[in-house]
Amino acid sequence: MRRAFFLILAVFGMATATFGQAASSDSQTLHALLSEVRALRQDLQSSLARVQSAQILLSRLQIQEAVVTRASENLDDARSKLADVQVVQKSERAELRHYEELSSEADPRQRQNLQDNINSAQSDLEASTLVEQQRQAAETEAQQQLQTEQSKLNTLGNQLDELVKNMDDHAEQSRVPR
């Protein structure tokens, strides 16, 4: 009888120990799963933050590209206006030389009329020279503005490259088994 009692006690004791071990194993598994879910959630949040940063950076890059395009168009316009003034100046110089050549060969009555034309041509040339200086200043300013905006665009491009590199590095680290 003692043996039977001892045998029953041993069987129930082993069953209880087995149930205790299963509960411990389930608890450890649940903790491991919970830790993994938390890690995945944190990875997802950081990935979303990086994606949002990339979207913002892309928007800024697009806006800056439009600004650079506009600055480039302004520079082209300034150069075109400067070239127009220089063509006018060339024409005015040729006209002035023509009147001066005619004046040297003309009789005294025609000289007064030619001298008036020479004075008018010189005045026009001086005015166009002032306009040329203004247009050169505008071209220089437009060129500096383009360089400034291009520099900003390059900076944004570098930031985007760095963000993509960081995302790639993070993706590589995520692939490594834990």
Protein backbone atom coordinates (compact mmCIF):
# COMPACT_ATOMS: atom_id res chain seq x y z
CA MET A 1 0.00 0.00 0.00
CA ARG A 2 2.77 2.28 0.72
CA ARG A 3 4.18 1.43 -2.60
CA ALA A 4 0.90 2.21 -4.32
CA PHE A 5 0.62 5.51 -2.42
CA PHE A 6 4.17 6.36 -3.29
CA LEU A 7 3.56 5.42 -6.94
CA ILE A 8 0.42 7.59 -7.10
CA LEU A 9 2.27 10.47 -5.47
CA ALA A 10 5.14 10.10 -7.91
CA VAL A 11 2.81 10.05 -10.96
CA PHE A 12 0.87 13.12 -9.80
CA GLY A 13 4.07 14.89 -8.80
CA MET A 14 5.58 14.34 -12.24
CA ALA A 15 2.39 15.54 -13.92
CA THR A 16 2.44 18.69 -11.83
CA ALA A 17 6.10 19.29 -12.62
CA THR A 18 5.37 18.75 -16.30
CA PHE A 19 2.52 21.29 -16.24
CA GLY A 20 4.76 23.76 -14.43
CA GLN A 21 7.44 23.39 -17.06
CA ALA A 22 4.93 23.89 -19.88
CA ALA A 23 3.68 27.09 -18.29
CA SER A 24 7.23 28.33 -17.89
CA SER A 25 8.03 27.46 -21.49
CA ASP A 26 4.84 29.18 -22.72
CA SER A 27 5.65 32.25 -20.66
CA GLN A 28 9.16 32.42 -22.11
CA THR A 29 7.77 32.01 -25.63
CA LEU A 30 5.22 34.77 -25.03
CA HIS A 31 7.92 37.09 -23.69
CA ALA A 32 10.11 36.35 -26.71
CA LEU A 33 7.21 36.98 -29.10
CA LEU A 34 6.28 40.18 -27.28
CA SER A 35 9.88 41.40 -27.49
CA GLU A 36 9.99 40.59 -31.19
CA VAL A 37 6.70 42.43 -31.84
CA ARG A 38 7.99 45.46 -29.95
CA ALA A 39 11.23 45.42 -31.94
CA LEU A 40 9.30 45.13 -35.21
CA ARG A 41 7.02 47.99 -34.15
CA GLN A 42 10.02 50.16 -33.35
CA ASP A 43 11.66 49.27 -36.68
CA LEU A 44 8.43 50.11 -38.49
CA GLN A 45 8.16 53.49 -36.74
CA SER A 46 11.74 54.40 -37.55
CA SER A 47 11.25 53.27 -41.17
CA LEU A 48 8.11 55.40 -41.46
CA ALA A 49 9.99 58.38 -40.06
CA ARG A 50 12.74 57.90 -42.64
CA VAL A 51 10.18 57.57 -45.44
CA GLN A 52 8.46 60.76 -44.32
CA SER A 53 11.81 62.54 -44.24
CA ALA A 54 12.56 61.28 -47.73
CA GLN A 55 9.18 62.51 -49.00
CA ILE A 56 9.73 65.94 -47.49
CA LEU A 57 13.22 66.08 -48.92
CA LEU A 58 11.96 65.05 -52.36
CA SER A 59 9.34 67.81 -52.26
CA ARG A 60 11.97 70.36 -51.29
CA LEU A 61 14.20 69.04 -54.07
CA GLN A 62 11.42 69.48 -56.65
CA ILE A 63 10.71 73.00 -55.47
CA GLN A 64 14.41 73.86 -55.57
CA GLU A 65 14.69 72.44 -59.09
CA ALA A 66 11.91 74.82 -60.16
CA VAL A 67 13.75 77.72 -58.49
CA VAL A 68 16.98 76.77 -60.30
CA THR A 69 15.10 76.56 -63.60
CA ARG A 70 13.62 80.02 -63.01
CA ALA A 71 17.04 81.43 -62.08
CA SER A 72 18.52 79.88 -65.21
CA GLU A 73 15.78 81.46 -67.32
CA ASN A 74 16.45 84.83 -65.66
CA LEU A 75 20.15 84.49 -66.49
CA ASP A 76 19.36 83.59 -70.10
CA ASP A 77 17.01 86.59 -70.29
CA ALA A 78 19.67 88.92 -68.83
CA ARG A 79 22.25 87.64 -71.30
CA SER A 80 19.83 88.09 -74.18
CA LYS A 81 19.08 91.68 -73.15
CA LEU A 82 22.79 92.40 -72.81
CA ALA A 83 23.45 90.97 -76.27
CA ASP A 84 20.65 93.14 -77.68
CA VAL A 85 22.21 96.27 -76.18
CA GLN A 86 25.62 95.29 -77.53
CA VAL A 87 24.13 94.90 -81.04
CA VAL A 88 22.58 98.37 -80.72
CA GLN A 89 25.93 99.77 -79.57
CA LYS A 90 27.71 98.22 -82.53
CA SER A 91 25.19 99.79 -84.84
CA GLU A 92 25.53 103.17 -83.11
CA ARG A 93 29.33 103.02 -83.36
CA ALA A 94 29.10 102.22 -87.06
CA GLU A 95 26.66 105.09 -87.53
CA LEU A 96 28.97 107.45 -85.61
CA ARG A 97 31.98 106.44 -87.76
CA HIS A 98 29.92 106.91 -90.89
CA TYR A 99 28.92 110.47 -89.88
CA GLU A 100 32.51 111.28 -88.89
CA GLU A 101 33.79 110.07 -92.29
CA LEU A 102 31.14 112.09 -94.10
CA SER A 103 31.94 115.13 -91.98
CA SER A 104 35.59 115.11 -92.99
CA GLU A 105 34.64 115.18 -96.67
CA ALA A 106 31.60 117.47 -96.50
CA ASP A 107 31.35 121.15 -97.26
CA PRO A 108 30.83 123.62 -94.38
CA ARG A 109 27.01 123.77 -94.75
CA GLN A 110 26.66 119.99 -94.52
CA ARG A 111 29.17 119.79 -91.68
CA GLN A 112 26.80 121.51 -89.24
CA ASN A 113 24.04 119.03 -90.08
CA LEU A 114 26.51 116.13 -89.85
CA GLN A 115 27.89 117.50 -86.55
CA ASP A 116 24.34 117.44 -85.15
CA ASN A 117 24.03 113.84 -86.32
CA ILE A 118 27.41 113.02 -84.75
CA ASN A 119 26.35 114.60 -81.43
CA SER A 120 23.07 112.67 -81.51
CA ALA A 121 24.89 109.40 -82.30
CA GLN A 122 27.38 110.03 -79.47
CA SER A 123 24.53 110.75 -77.09
CA ASP A 124 22.78 107.55 -78.15
CA LEU A 125 26.02 105.61 -77.73
CA GLU A 126 26.55 107.02 -74.23
CA ALA A 127 22.97 106.12 -73.27
CA SER A 128 23.36 102.60 -74.60
CA THR A 129 26.67 102.31 -72.73
CA LEU A 130 24.82 103.09 -69.48
CA VAL A 131 22.14 100.55 -70.37
CA GLU A 132 24.90 98.01 -71.15
CA GLN A 133 26.44 98.56 -67.72
CA GLN A 134 23.04 98.05 -66.08
CA ARG A 135 22.46 94.90 -68.11
CA GLN A 136 25.92 93.58 -67.21
CA ALA A 137 25.13 94.17 -63.54
CA ALA A 138 21.79 92.38 -63.98
CA GLU A 139 23.55 89.47 -65.72
CA THR A 140 26.12 89.23 -62.92
CA GLU A 141 23.38 89.27 -60.30
CA ALA A 142 21.38 86.63 -62.19
CA GLN A 143 24.48 84.46 -62.49
CA GLN A 144 25.17 84.74 -58.76
CA GLN A 145 21.55 83.93 -57.98
CA LEU A 146 21.73 80.84 -60.20
CA GLN A 147 24.92 79.70 -58.47
CA THR A 148 23.32 80.20 -55.06
CA GLU A 149 20.20 78.26 -56.00
CA GLN A 150 22.25 75.53 -57.69
CA SER A 151 24.30 75.20 -54.51
CA LYS A 152 21.09 74.78 -52.49
CA LEU A 153 19.91 72.14 -54.97
CA ASN A 154 23.22 70.28 -54.67
CA THR A 155 22.94 70.37 -50.86
CA LEU A 156 19.44 68.89 -51.01
CA GLY A 157 20.65 66.24 -53.43
CA ASN A 158 23.47 65.34 -51.06
CA GLN A 159 21.03 65.13 -48.16
CA LEU A 160 18.78 62.84 -50.17
CA ASP A 161 21.75 60.65 -51.12
CA GLU A 162 22.75 60.44 -47.46
CA LEU A 163 19.20 59.53 -46.42
CA VAL A 164 19.02 56.80 -49.06
CA LYS A 165 22.40 55.47 -47.93
CA ASN A 166 21.20 55.41 -44.31
CA MET A 167 18.03 53.60 -45.35
CA ASP A 168 20.09 51.05 -47.26
CA ASP A 169 22.41 50.58 -44.28
CA HIS A 170 19.42 50.11 -41.98
CA ALA A 171 17.90 47.59 -44.39
CA GLU A 172 21.17 45.64 -44.40
CA GLN A 173 21.25 45.62 -40.61
CA SER A 174 17.62 44.45 -40.47
CA ARG A 175 18.42 41.47 -42.69
CA VAL A 176 21.03 40.19 -40.26
CA PRO A 177 19.46 37.44 -38.08
CA ARG A 178 19.10 38.37 -34.44
